[in-house]
Each structure stands twice: as structure tokens, then as C-alpha cells.
């Protein structure tokens, strides 16, 4: 628990150093430190200690990425948490994702980390790799992602599909008209359309 949260805290410090100087970015989420305490005379010899967070506790992101959380999407803290996730994902080339971001205002605690199966630079997270896949599929960039110059997570195929989507117009005697697709608009070799 300490290792995961303090690793995420180090990423948050680097994120803050990049984001805070940007004009208009403002306050940056902080992951509070957690400490392991050894108490040899106690029945439970080890405990964790962290700062007490007072106020409304909010989950800005969830471990499985499925829950729709309006406070995450609509609040400044929530948007900046999503941007932090995107930033970490991009900085680690999609190998690591800080998730389960929750706390009071901009102070976060009890976070999780998902890594690819092989881990990332010797570190293995405590969340399933599926969280990375879900984040990649569900993340919607916001103004803070744009301020940091983060790349959209939409795949090239999704971009191409959206750009080439056009309305089909009904032509007179359309059943006798041979339809042709310009060479540039054809799908790449090996692509199987969902319509077939």
C-alpha cells in the first residue's frame, strides 16, 4: 500500500512541476504521503499513517473505469485527475496508469496503479491490466489535457472512421447505379468491416 501510493505520489510531483507553470492551469492534485510504522510491542506490529483529510470525500476515478461519476467529469479536481491519469499513461508509453483517484478537493489518497503484465521498470501495480484498456477506451480529453499537449487516446481507425462518415444520398434509380469507392477511402488490406 505504501509502495503504490508513494510511487504514484512521485509521478504526481513531476506532473505538478510540468502543469503548475502553465498559464491558467492553477492548482494541481496532490497525492498525500503514507508511512509505514513499526510498533514491535503491539499485537499488530505494523501500521500505516497518513494525513487526515477533512471534508467531502470524492472518488474522481474508479478502479474498473466503468462507473460514471459526474464529480469526476464536471469538477475542476476531477478533470485534473483525469488529465493526471492521461499524463502518466503517456509518460510511461501506456505501461502504467494511476487509478482509483479519490480524496478531498485536490488532496488524494488510497490510489491504485495498474501496469502491463510485465510491469513497468521493475514495478508491478496492484490493479488489473484491464483498467489500462478501459481507460484508453473511455478517457475523454479535457482542456487540461490540451494545455499539457497530451495526445488523444483515440485510435487512428476511430479518427478515420469519424472523418469518413458521410450521409448517403438517395439517387434516382439508385439500384442501377454502380457505386465506386475512391482508392484513398478504401479500408486497409486485412481490415474486416463490421458490416460483413
N, C-alpha and C. Protein backbone atom coordinates (compact mmCIF):
# COMPACT_ATOMS: atom_id res chain seq x y z
N UNK A 1 0.83 -1.19 0.00
CA UNK A 1 0.00 0.00 0.00
C UNK A 1 0.87 1.26 0.00
N UNK A 2 1.89 1.27 0.87
CA UNK A 2 2.79 2.42 0.94
C UNK A 2 3.56 2.58 -0.37
N UNK A 3 4.05 1.46 -0.89
CA UNK A 3 4.85 1.50 -2.11
C UNK A 3 4.03 2.04 -3.28
N UNK A 4 2.80 1.57 -3.42
CA UNK A 4 1.94 2.02 -4.51
C UNK A 4 1.63 3.50 -4.37
N UNK A 5 1.17 3.92 -3.20
CA UNK A 5 0.77 5.32 -3.03
C UNK A 5 1.96 6.27 -3.17
N UNK A 6 3.10 5.88 -2.60
CA UNK A 6 4.25 6.77 -2.68
C UNK A 6 4.86 6.79 -4.09
N UNK A 7 4.72 5.71 -4.85
CA UNK A 7 5.15 5.71 -6.25
C UNK A 7 4.26 6.66 -7.04
N UNK A 8 2.95 6.57 -6.84
CA UNK A 8 2.01 7.48 -7.50
C UNK A 8 2.30 8.93 -7.10
N UNK A 9 2.67 9.13 -5.84
CA UNK A 9 3.00 10.48 -5.35
C UNK A 9 4.17 11.07 -6.12
N UNK A 10 5.17 10.26 -6.42
CA UNK A 10 6.34 10.74 -7.17
C UNK A 10 5.93 11.18 -8.58
N UNK A 11 5.05 10.41 -9.22
CA UNK A 11 4.54 10.82 -10.54
C UNK A 11 3.77 12.12 -10.42
N UNK A 12 2.98 12.27 -9.36
CA UNK A 12 2.19 13.48 -9.17
C UNK A 12 3.08 14.71 -8.99
N UNK A 13 4.23 14.54 -8.35
CA UNK A 13 5.16 15.66 -8.17
C UNK A 13 5.72 16.12 -9.53
N UNK A 14 6.06 15.18 -10.39
CA UNK A 14 6.59 15.52 -11.72
C UNK A 14 5.50 16.19 -12.56
N UNK A 15 4.29 15.64 -12.46
CA UNK A 15 3.13 16.22 -13.15
C UNK A 15 2.93 17.67 -12.70
N UNK A 16 2.99 17.91 -11.40
CA UNK A 16 2.80 19.26 -10.86
C UNK A 16 3.87 20.21 -11.38
N UNK A 17 5.11 19.73 -11.46
CA UNK A 17 6.20 20.58 -11.95
C UNK A 17 5.98 20.99 -13.40
N UNK A 18 5.33 20.15 -14.19
CA UNK A 18 5.04 20.49 -15.59
C UNK A 18 3.78 21.34 -15.73
N UNK A 19 2.77 21.06 -14.90
CA UNK A 19 1.47 21.70 -15.06
C UNK A 19 1.36 23.07 -14.38
N UNK A 20 1.89 23.21 -13.18
CA UNK A 20 1.71 24.45 -12.42
C UNK A 20 2.22 25.70 -13.14
N UNK A 21 3.35 25.64 -13.85
CA UNK A 21 3.82 26.85 -14.53
C UNK A 21 2.95 27.29 -15.72
N UNK A 22 2.07 26.41 -16.21
CA UNK A 22 1.24 26.75 -17.36
C UNK A 22 0.21 27.81 -16.98
N UNK A 23 0.11 28.84 -17.80
CA UNK A 23 -0.84 29.91 -17.52
C UNK A 23 -2.27 29.37 -17.52
N UNK A 24 -2.98 29.62 -16.43
CA UNK A 24 -4.38 29.21 -16.33
C UNK A 24 -4.60 27.80 -15.83
N UNK A 25 -3.52 27.03 -15.60
CA UNK A 25 -3.72 25.65 -15.14
C UNK A 25 -4.19 25.64 -13.69
N UNK A 26 -3.56 26.43 -12.84
CA UNK A 26 -3.98 26.51 -11.45
C UNK A 26 -3.46 25.37 -10.59
N UNK A 27 -4.18 25.11 -9.51
CA UNK A 27 -3.79 24.10 -8.52
C UNK A 27 -3.78 22.70 -9.14
N UNK A 28 -2.86 21.88 -8.66
CA UNK A 28 -2.67 20.53 -9.19
C UNK A 28 -2.98 19.52 -8.09
N UNK A 29 -3.62 18.38 -8.43
CA UNK A 29 -3.88 17.36 -7.41
C UNK A 29 -2.58 16.87 -6.77
N UNK A 30 -2.66 16.61 -5.47
CA UNK A 30 -1.51 16.11 -4.71
C UNK A 30 -1.89 14.77 -4.08
N UNK A 31 -1.03 13.78 -4.24
CA UNK A 31 -1.24 12.51 -3.56
C UNK A 31 -0.47 12.58 -2.25
N UNK A 32 -1.19 12.45 -1.14
CA UNK A 32 -0.54 12.62 0.16
C UNK A 32 0.35 11.42 0.46
N UNK A 33 1.42 11.63 1.24
CA UNK A 33 2.31 10.51 1.57
C UNK A 33 1.66 9.58 2.58
N UNK A 34 2.09 8.35 2.55
CA UNK A 34 1.65 7.36 3.53
C UNK A 34 2.91 6.72 4.11
N UNK A 35 2.91 6.49 5.40
CA UNK A 35 4.11 5.99 6.09
C UNK A 35 3.81 4.65 6.77
N UNK A 36 4.79 3.79 6.76
CA UNK A 36 4.69 2.51 7.46
C UNK A 36 5.37 2.68 8.82
N UNK A 37 4.65 2.34 9.87
CA UNK A 37 5.15 2.49 11.24
C UNK A 37 5.33 1.11 11.85
N UNK A 38 6.50 0.87 12.46
CA UNK A 38 6.76 -0.39 13.15
C UNK A 38 6.51 -0.19 14.64
N UNK A 39 5.62 -1.04 15.20
CA UNK A 39 5.26 -0.97 16.61
C UNK A 39 5.51 -2.34 17.22
N UNK A 40 6.75 -2.69 17.57
CA UNK A 40 7.08 -4.05 18.00
C UNK A 40 6.34 -4.53 19.24
N UNK A 41 5.93 -3.65 20.12
CA UNK A 41 5.24 -4.05 21.35
C UNK A 41 3.75 -4.28 21.14
N UNK A 42 3.22 -3.99 19.97
CA UNK A 42 1.80 -4.09 19.69
C UNK A 42 1.47 -5.46 19.09
N UNK A 43 0.24 -5.94 19.27
CA UNK A 43 -0.20 -7.20 18.67
C UNK A 43 -0.12 -7.15 17.14
N UNK A 44 -0.38 -5.98 16.57
CA UNK A 44 -0.24 -5.76 15.13
C UNK A 44 0.98 -4.85 14.98
N UNK A 45 2.15 -5.44 14.67
CA UNK A 45 3.39 -4.67 14.74
C UNK A 45 3.59 -3.61 13.66
N UNK A 46 2.78 -3.64 12.61
CA UNK A 46 2.94 -2.64 11.54
C UNK A 46 1.62 -1.93 11.28
N UNK A 47 1.71 -0.65 11.01
CA UNK A 47 0.52 0.16 10.69
C UNK A 47 0.93 1.23 9.69
N UNK A 48 -0.07 1.75 8.98
CA UNK A 48 0.20 2.87 8.08
C UNK A 48 -0.40 4.12 8.68
N UNK A 49 0.26 5.24 8.42
CA UNK A 49 -0.17 6.52 8.95
C UNK A 49 -0.14 7.53 7.81
N UNK A 50 -1.21 8.34 7.73
CA UNK A 50 -1.24 9.40 6.73
C UNK A 50 -2.05 10.57 7.28
N UNK A 51 -1.94 11.70 6.61
CA UNK A 51 -2.68 12.90 6.98
C UNK A 51 -4.18 12.63 6.94
N UNK A 52 -4.91 13.19 7.90
CA UNK A 52 -6.36 13.07 7.89
C UNK A 52 -6.94 14.10 6.93
N UNK A 53 -7.79 13.64 6.03
CA UNK A 53 -8.44 14.54 5.08
C UNK A 53 -9.84 14.86 5.60
N UNK A 54 -10.11 16.14 5.79
CA UNK A 54 -11.39 16.57 6.33
C UNK A 54 -12.18 17.27 5.23
N UNK A 55 -13.42 16.82 5.05
CA UNK A 55 -14.29 17.40 4.03
C UNK A 55 -15.00 16.30 3.28
N UNK A 56 -15.62 16.67 2.15
CA UNK A 56 -16.36 15.69 1.34
C UNK A 56 -15.39 14.81 0.57
N UNK A 57 -15.45 13.51 0.82
CA UNK A 57 -14.58 12.54 0.16
C UNK A 57 -15.22 12.15 -1.17
N UNK A 58 -14.47 12.32 -2.27
CA UNK A 58 -15.00 12.08 -3.61
C UNK A 58 -14.10 11.10 -4.35
N UNK A 59 -14.72 10.17 -5.09
CA UNK A 59 -13.97 9.27 -5.98
C UNK A 59 -13.96 9.92 -7.36
N UNK A 60 -12.77 10.36 -7.79
CA UNK A 60 -12.64 11.02 -9.08
C UNK A 60 -12.44 10.02 -10.21
N UNK A 61 -11.91 8.87 -9.89
CA UNK A 61 -11.81 7.79 -10.87
C UNK A 61 -11.97 6.51 -10.07
N UNK A 62 -12.44 5.48 -10.72
CA UNK A 62 -12.65 4.22 -10.02
C UNK A 62 -11.74 3.17 -10.61
N UNK A 63 -11.52 2.12 -9.86
CA UNK A 63 -10.58 1.10 -10.29
C UNK A 63 -10.94 0.47 -11.62
N UNK A 64 -12.22 0.20 -11.84
CA UNK A 64 -12.56 -0.52 -13.07
C UNK A 64 -12.95 0.39 -14.22
N UNK A 65 -13.00 1.70 -14.00
CA UNK A 65 -13.26 2.64 -15.09
C UNK A 65 -14.69 2.63 -15.61
N UNK A 66 -15.59 1.84 -15.04
CA UNK A 66 -16.94 1.71 -15.59
C UNK A 66 -17.92 2.71 -14.99
N UNK A 67 -17.70 3.12 -13.77
CA UNK A 67 -18.65 3.98 -13.08
C UNK A 67 -18.63 5.39 -13.68
N UNK A 68 -19.79 5.93 -13.96
CA UNK A 68 -19.88 7.31 -14.44
C UNK A 68 -19.98 8.19 -13.21
N UNK A 69 -19.05 9.10 -13.06
CA UNK A 69 -19.01 9.95 -11.89
C UNK A 69 -19.05 11.40 -12.36
N UNK A 70 -20.15 12.08 -12.12
CA UNK A 70 -20.29 13.45 -12.60
C UNK A 70 -19.30 14.39 -11.93
N UNK A 71 -18.96 14.11 -10.66
CA UNK A 71 -17.98 14.96 -9.98
C UNK A 71 -16.62 14.83 -10.65
N UNK A 72 -16.34 13.66 -11.19
CA UNK A 72 -15.08 13.47 -11.91
C UNK A 72 -15.11 14.26 -13.21
N UNK A 73 -16.19 14.15 -13.92
CA UNK A 73 -16.28 14.74 -15.25
C UNK A 73 -16.45 16.25 -15.20
N UNK A 74 -17.23 16.74 -14.24
CA UNK A 74 -17.62 18.14 -14.25
C UNK A 74 -16.82 19.05 -13.32
N UNK A 75 -16.13 18.51 -12.34
CA UNK A 75 -15.40 19.37 -11.41
C UNK A 75 -13.98 19.61 -11.89
N UNK A 76 -13.41 20.71 -11.43
CA UNK A 76 -12.02 21.03 -11.78
C UNK A 76 -11.08 19.94 -11.26
N UNK A 77 -11.27 19.52 -10.01
CA UNK A 77 -10.41 18.48 -9.44
C UNK A 77 -10.54 17.18 -10.23
N UNK A 78 -11.77 16.83 -10.60
CA UNK A 78 -12.00 15.61 -11.36
C UNK A 78 -11.34 15.65 -12.72
N UNK A 79 -11.46 16.79 -13.42
CA UNK A 79 -10.83 16.92 -14.74
C UNK A 79 -9.31 16.86 -14.63
N UNK A 80 -8.77 17.48 -13.59
CA UNK A 80 -7.31 17.47 -13.42
C UNK A 80 -6.81 16.08 -13.03
N UNK A 81 -7.63 15.31 -12.32
CA UNK A 81 -7.27 13.92 -12.01
C UNK A 81 -7.24 13.09 -13.29
N UNK A 82 -8.24 13.28 -14.14
CA UNK A 82 -8.27 12.55 -15.42
C UNK A 82 -7.08 12.94 -16.29
N UNK A 83 -6.71 14.22 -16.26
CA UNK A 83 -5.54 14.68 -17.02
C UNK A 83 -4.28 14.06 -16.45
N UNK A 84 -4.19 13.96 -15.11
CA UNK A 84 -3.04 13.31 -14.48
C UNK A 84 -2.92 11.86 -14.95
N UNK A 85 -4.05 11.14 -15.00
CA UNK A 85 -4.02 9.77 -15.49
C UNK A 85 -3.51 9.72 -16.93
N UNK A 86 -4.01 10.60 -17.77
CA UNK A 86 -3.60 10.65 -19.17
C UNK A 86 -2.10 10.96 -19.26
N UNK A 87 -1.64 11.91 -18.45
CA UNK A 87 -0.23 12.30 -18.45
C UNK A 87 0.66 11.12 -18.08
N UNK A 88 0.30 10.39 -17.01
CA UNK A 88 1.10 9.23 -16.58
C UNK A 88 1.08 8.16 -17.68
N UNK A 89 -0.09 7.92 -18.25
CA UNK A 89 -0.22 6.92 -19.32
C UNK A 89 0.71 7.26 -20.48
N UNK A 90 0.73 8.54 -20.88
CA UNK A 90 1.58 8.96 -22.00
C UNK A 90 3.05 8.91 -21.62
N UNK A 91 3.42 9.36 -20.42
CA UNK A 91 4.83 9.37 -19.99
C UNK A 91 5.42 7.97 -19.90
N UNK A 92 4.57 6.98 -19.62
CA UNK A 92 5.06 5.59 -19.49
C UNK A 92 4.75 4.77 -20.74
N UNK A 93 4.42 5.45 -21.84
CA UNK A 93 4.10 4.78 -23.10
C UNK A 93 3.00 3.73 -22.94
N UNK A 94 2.01 4.04 -22.13
CA UNK A 94 0.86 3.15 -21.93
C UNK A 94 1.15 1.95 -21.04
N UNK A 95 2.26 1.97 -20.32
CA UNK A 95 2.64 0.83 -19.47
C UNK A 95 2.15 0.93 -18.04
N UNK A 96 1.75 2.14 -17.61
CA UNK A 96 1.36 2.34 -16.22
C UNK A 96 0.23 3.35 -16.16
N UNK A 97 -0.71 3.13 -15.25
CA UNK A 97 -1.83 4.04 -15.06
C UNK A 97 -2.11 4.17 -13.57
N UNK A 98 -2.15 5.42 -13.09
CA UNK A 98 -2.56 5.66 -11.70
C UNK A 98 -4.08 5.73 -11.74
N UNK A 99 -4.71 4.94 -10.88
CA UNK A 99 -6.17 4.86 -10.92
C UNK A 99 -6.72 4.91 -9.50
N UNK A 100 -8.02 4.82 -9.39
CA UNK A 100 -8.71 4.89 -8.11
C UNK A 100 -8.38 6.19 -7.38
N UNK A 101 -8.36 7.29 -8.12
CA UNK A 101 -8.05 8.59 -7.53
C UNK A 101 -9.24 9.07 -6.72
N UNK A 102 -8.98 9.37 -5.45
CA UNK A 102 -10.05 9.77 -4.55
C UNK A 102 -9.49 10.60 -3.43
N UNK A 103 -10.31 11.45 -2.86
CA UNK A 103 -9.85 12.27 -1.76
C UNK A 103 -10.76 13.45 -1.52
N UNK A 104 -10.19 14.48 -0.92
CA UNK A 104 -10.93 15.69 -0.57
C UNK A 104 -10.29 16.84 -1.34
N UNK A 105 -11.07 17.45 -2.22
CA UNK A 105 -10.52 18.53 -3.05
C UNK A 105 -9.36 18.01 -3.88
N UNK A 106 -8.24 18.70 -3.80
CA UNK A 106 -7.06 18.33 -4.58
C UNK A 106 -6.12 17.39 -3.83
N UNK A 107 -6.49 16.96 -2.61
CA UNK A 107 -5.64 16.03 -1.85
C UNK A 107 -6.19 14.62 -2.03
N UNK A 108 -5.35 13.74 -2.54
CA UNK A 108 -5.78 12.39 -2.90
C UNK A 108 -5.09 11.34 -2.03
N UNK A 109 -5.78 10.21 -1.84
CA UNK A 109 -5.23 9.11 -1.05
C UNK A 109 -5.78 7.78 -1.55
N UNK A 110 -5.20 6.71 -1.07
CA UNK A 110 -5.67 5.34 -1.34
C UNK A 110 -5.79 5.08 -2.85
N UNK A 111 -4.77 5.47 -3.61
CA UNK A 111 -4.79 5.29 -5.06
C UNK A 111 -4.34 3.88 -5.42
N UNK A 112 -4.58 3.51 -6.65
CA UNK A 112 -4.12 2.23 -7.18
C UNK A 112 -3.25 2.48 -8.40
N UNK A 113 -2.50 1.46 -8.79
CA UNK A 113 -1.68 1.55 -10.01
C UNK A 113 -1.87 0.26 -10.79
N UNK A 114 -2.15 0.43 -12.08
CA UNK A 114 -2.24 -0.71 -13.00
C UNK A 114 -1.02 -0.65 -13.91
N UNK A 115 -0.42 -1.80 -14.15
CA UNK A 115 0.71 -1.88 -15.09
C UNK A 115 0.42 -2.99 -16.08
N UNK A 116 1.15 -2.97 -17.18
CA UNK A 116 1.07 -4.08 -18.11
C UNK A 116 1.54 -5.33 -17.38
N UNK A 117 1.25 -6.50 -17.93
CA UNK A 117 1.56 -7.77 -17.25
C UNK A 117 3.01 -7.86 -16.81
N UNK A 118 3.93 -7.37 -17.63
CA UNK A 118 5.36 -7.46 -17.30
C UNK A 118 5.79 -6.40 -16.29
N UNK A 119 4.88 -5.48 -15.96
CA UNK A 119 5.23 -4.40 -15.05
C UNK A 119 5.84 -3.24 -15.81
N UNK A 120 6.36 -2.27 -15.07
CA UNK A 120 6.99 -1.11 -15.68
C UNK A 120 8.22 -0.76 -14.88
N UNK A 121 9.40 -0.90 -15.51
CA UNK A 121 10.69 -0.60 -14.87
C UNK A 121 10.81 -1.31 -13.53
N UNK A 122 10.44 -2.58 -13.50
CA UNK A 122 10.56 -3.38 -12.28
C UNK A 122 9.41 -3.22 -11.29
N UNK A 123 8.46 -2.36 -11.59
CA UNK A 123 7.33 -2.11 -10.68
C UNK A 123 6.09 -2.79 -11.21
N UNK A 124 5.40 -3.52 -10.35
CA UNK A 124 4.11 -4.11 -10.71
C UNK A 124 3.04 -3.48 -9.83
N UNK A 125 1.96 -3.06 -10.47
CA UNK A 125 0.88 -2.40 -9.75
C UNK A 125 0.00 -3.36 -8.98
N UNK A 126 -1.03 -2.81 -8.35
CA UNK A 126 -1.96 -3.61 -7.55
C UNK A 126 -3.35 -3.68 -8.20
N UNK A 127 -3.45 -3.24 -9.47
CA UNK A 127 -4.73 -3.28 -10.18
C UNK A 127 -4.57 -4.07 -11.48
N UNK A 128 -5.66 -4.56 -11.99
CA UNK A 128 -5.67 -5.36 -13.21
C UNK A 128 -5.27 -4.54 -14.44
N UNK A 129 -4.62 -5.20 -15.40
CA UNK A 129 -4.26 -4.58 -16.67
C UNK A 129 -5.52 -4.08 -17.41
N UNK A 130 -6.67 -4.68 -17.13
CA UNK A 130 -7.91 -4.26 -17.80
C UNK A 130 -8.24 -2.80 -17.51
N UNK A 131 -7.75 -2.25 -16.40
CA UNK A 131 -8.01 -0.84 -16.08
C UNK A 131 -7.33 0.06 -17.10
N UNK A 132 -6.16 -0.36 -17.60
CA UNK A 132 -5.45 0.41 -18.63
C UNK A 132 -6.27 0.39 -19.91
N UNK A 133 -6.75 -0.79 -20.29
CA UNK A 133 -7.55 -0.92 -21.51
C UNK A 133 -8.84 -0.09 -21.41
N UNK A 134 -9.49 -0.14 -20.26
CA UNK A 134 -10.72 0.62 -20.08
C UNK A 134 -10.46 2.12 -20.11
N UNK A 135 -9.37 2.55 -19.49
CA UNK A 135 -9.03 3.96 -19.51
C UNK A 135 -8.80 4.43 -20.94
N UNK A 136 -8.04 3.66 -21.69
CA UNK A 136 -7.74 4.00 -23.08
C UNK A 136 -9.04 4.14 -23.88
N UNK A 137 -10.02 3.27 -23.61
CA UNK A 137 -11.28 3.29 -24.36
C UNK A 137 -12.23 4.39 -23.90
N UNK A 138 -12.21 4.74 -22.61
CA UNK A 138 -13.22 5.64 -22.05
C UNK A 138 -12.76 7.08 -21.83
N UNK A 139 -11.46 7.32 -21.77
CA UNK A 139 -10.97 8.66 -21.44
C UNK A 139 -11.39 9.68 -22.50
N UNK A 140 -11.89 10.80 -22.03
CA UNK A 140 -12.21 11.92 -22.91
C UNK A 140 -11.33 13.09 -22.49
N UNK A 141 -10.51 13.56 -23.42
CA UNK A 141 -9.62 14.67 -23.11
C UNK A 141 -10.42 15.90 -22.72
N UNK A 142 -9.83 16.73 -21.87
CA UNK A 142 -10.46 17.98 -21.45
C UNK A 142 -9.46 19.11 -21.68
N UNK A 143 -9.81 20.30 -21.25
CA UNK A 143 -8.96 21.47 -21.52
C UNK A 143 -7.58 21.34 -20.87
N UNK A 144 -7.48 20.61 -19.76
CA UNK A 144 -6.18 20.46 -19.09
C UNK A 144 -5.28 19.50 -19.88
N UNK A 145 -5.86 18.49 -20.50
CA UNK A 145 -5.09 17.60 -21.39
C UNK A 145 -4.52 18.43 -22.53
N UNK A 146 -5.35 19.31 -23.08
CA UNK A 146 -4.92 20.17 -24.19
C UNK A 146 -3.82 21.12 -23.76
N UNK A 147 -3.95 21.70 -22.55
CA UNK A 147 -2.94 22.64 -22.05
C UNK A 147 -1.57 21.96 -21.93
N UNK A 148 -1.58 20.68 -21.56
CA UNK A 148 -0.32 19.93 -21.42
C UNK A 148 0.16 19.35 -22.75
N UNK A 149 -0.65 19.49 -23.80
CA UNK A 149 -0.26 18.98 -25.11
C UNK A 149 -0.30 17.46 -25.20
N UNK A 150 -1.18 16.83 -24.43
CA UNK A 150 -1.29 15.37 -24.45
C UNK A 150 -1.98 14.91 -25.73
N UNK A 151 -1.54 13.78 -26.25
CA UNK A 151 -2.11 13.23 -27.49
C UNK A 151 -3.42 12.52 -27.18
N UNK A 152 -4.36 12.64 -28.09
CA UNK A 152 -5.65 11.95 -27.94
C UNK A 152 -5.42 10.45 -27.89
N UNK A 153 -6.21 9.75 -27.09
CA UNK A 153 -6.08 8.29 -26.98
C UNK A 153 -6.91 7.55 -28.00
N UNK A 154 -7.69 8.29 -28.81
CA UNK A 154 -8.48 7.65 -29.86
C UNK A 154 -7.54 7.04 -30.88
N UNK A 155 -7.86 5.86 -31.33
CA UNK A 155 -7.00 5.19 -32.31
C UNK A 155 -7.12 5.85 -33.67
N UNK A 156 -6.15 5.61 -34.51
CA UNK A 156 -6.18 6.16 -35.87
C UNK A 156 -7.43 5.68 -36.61
N UNK A 157 -7.84 4.43 -36.35
CA UNK A 157 -9.04 3.89 -37.01
C UNK A 157 -10.28 4.67 -36.59
N UNK A 158 -10.40 4.98 -35.29
CA UNK A 158 -11.56 5.73 -34.82
C UNK A 158 -11.59 7.11 -35.47
N UNK A 159 -10.42 7.76 -35.59
CA UNK A 159 -10.36 9.07 -36.22
C UNK A 159 -10.75 8.97 -37.69
N UNK A 160 -10.23 7.94 -38.37
CA UNK A 160 -10.51 7.76 -39.80
C UNK A 160 -11.99 7.52 -40.02
N UNK A 161 -12.58 6.66 -39.17
CA UNK A 161 -13.99 6.33 -39.31
C UNK A 161 -14.87 7.57 -39.14
N UNK A 162 -14.54 8.39 -38.16
CA UNK A 162 -15.33 9.58 -37.91
C UNK A 162 -15.18 10.58 -39.06
N UNK A 163 -13.96 10.72 -39.58
CA UNK A 163 -13.70 11.68 -40.66
C UNK A 163 -14.37 11.25 -41.96
N UNK A 164 -14.49 9.94 -42.21
CA UNK A 164 -15.05 9.48 -43.48
C UNK A 164 -16.54 9.17 -43.40
N UNK A 165 -17.12 9.33 -42.22
CA UNK A 165 -18.56 9.07 -42.09
C UNK A 165 -19.31 10.17 -42.84
N UNK A 166 -20.12 9.79 -43.81
CA UNK A 166 -20.91 10.74 -44.60
C UNK A 166 -22.33 10.22 -44.71
N UNK A 167 -23.25 11.12 -44.97
CA UNK A 167 -24.64 10.71 -45.19
C UNK A 167 -24.77 10.19 -46.60
N UNK A 168 -25.50 9.11 -46.76
CA UNK A 168 -25.74 8.54 -48.08
C UNK A 168 -26.98 9.19 -48.66
N UNK A 169 -26.82 9.74 -49.85
CA UNK A 169 -27.95 10.38 -50.52
C UNK A 169 -28.59 9.39 -51.47
N UNK A 170 -29.92 9.43 -51.53
CA UNK A 170 -30.64 8.55 -52.44
C UNK A 170 -30.63 9.17 -53.83
N UNK A 171 -30.14 8.40 -54.78
CA UNK A 171 -30.08 8.86 -56.17
C UNK A 171 -31.24 8.25 -56.95
N UNK A 172 -31.70 8.93 -58.00
CA UNK A 172 -32.73 8.32 -58.84
C UNK A 172 -32.18 7.03 -59.43
N UNK A 173 -32.99 6.01 -59.47
CA UNK A 173 -32.59 4.70 -59.97
C UNK A 173 -31.32 4.20 -59.29
N UNK A 174 -31.23 4.42 -57.97
CA UNK A 174 -30.01 4.06 -57.26
C UNK A 174 -29.70 2.57 -57.35
N UNK A 175 -30.70 1.76 -57.64
CA UNK A 175 -30.43 0.32 -57.74
C UNK A 175 -29.63 -0.02 -58.99
N UNK A 176 -29.66 0.88 -59.99
CA UNK A 176 -28.91 0.60 -61.22
C UNK A 176 -27.57 1.33 -61.26
N UNK A 177 -27.30 2.17 -60.25
CA UNK A 177 -26.05 2.92 -60.25
C UNK A 177 -24.97 2.08 -59.59
N UNK A 178 -23.83 1.93 -60.28
CA UNK A 178 -22.71 1.19 -59.71
C UNK A 178 -21.97 2.14 -58.77
N UNK A 179 -21.80 1.70 -57.52
CA UNK A 179 -21.12 2.54 -56.54
C UNK A 179 -19.64 2.20 -56.55
N UNK A 180 -18.82 3.24 -56.57
CA UNK A 180 -17.38 3.04 -56.50
C UNK A 180 -16.84 3.81 -55.32
N UNK A 181 -15.79 3.30 -54.75
CA UNK A 181 -15.15 3.94 -53.62
C UNK A 181 -13.78 4.40 -54.09
N UNK A 182 -13.47 5.68 -53.90
CA UNK A 182 -12.13 6.13 -54.30
C UNK A 182 -11.06 5.32 -53.60
N UNK A 183 -9.95 5.11 -54.26
CA UNK A 183 -8.88 4.27 -53.74
C UNK A 183 -8.43 4.71 -52.35
N UNK A 184 -8.32 6.01 -52.10
CA UNK A 184 -7.85 6.52 -50.81
C UNK A 184 -8.82 6.20 -49.69
N UNK A 185 -10.11 6.07 -49.96
CA UNK A 185 -11.11 5.85 -48.92
C UNK A 185 -11.30 4.38 -48.58
N UNK A 186 -10.68 3.47 -49.34
CA UNK A 186 -10.84 2.05 -49.06
C UNK A 186 -10.15 1.69 -47.76
N UNK A 187 -10.68 0.67 -47.11
CA UNK A 187 -10.09 0.19 -45.87
C UNK A 187 -8.74 -0.47 -46.16
N UNK A 188 -7.81 -0.42 -45.19
CA UNK A 188 -6.52 -1.06 -45.40
C UNK A 188 -6.68 -2.57 -45.58
N UNK A 189 -5.74 -3.18 -46.29
CA UNK A 189 -5.76 -4.62 -46.53
C UNK A 189 -5.81 -5.37 -45.21
N UNK A 190 -6.62 -6.37 -45.13
CA UNK A 190 -6.73 -7.17 -43.92
C UNK A 190 -7.80 -6.65 -42.95
N UNK A 191 -8.37 -5.48 -43.23
CA UNK A 191 -9.40 -4.93 -42.36
C UNK A 191 -10.71 -5.62 -42.66
N UNK A 192 -11.42 -6.03 -41.61
CA UNK A 192 -12.72 -6.68 -41.77
C UNK A 192 -13.76 -5.72 -41.25
N UNK A 193 -14.61 -5.27 -42.11
CA UNK A 193 -15.66 -4.33 -41.73
C UNK A 193 -16.68 -5.01 -40.84
N UNK A 194 -17.27 -4.24 -39.93
CA UNK A 194 -18.31 -4.78 -39.03
C UNK A 194 -19.57 -5.13 -39.81
N UNK A 195 -19.72 -4.62 -41.03
CA UNK A 195 -20.91 -4.90 -41.82
C UNK A 195 -20.86 -6.26 -42.49
N UNK A 196 -19.69 -6.85 -42.64
CA UNK A 196 -19.55 -8.12 -43.35
C UNK A 196 -19.66 -9.30 -42.43
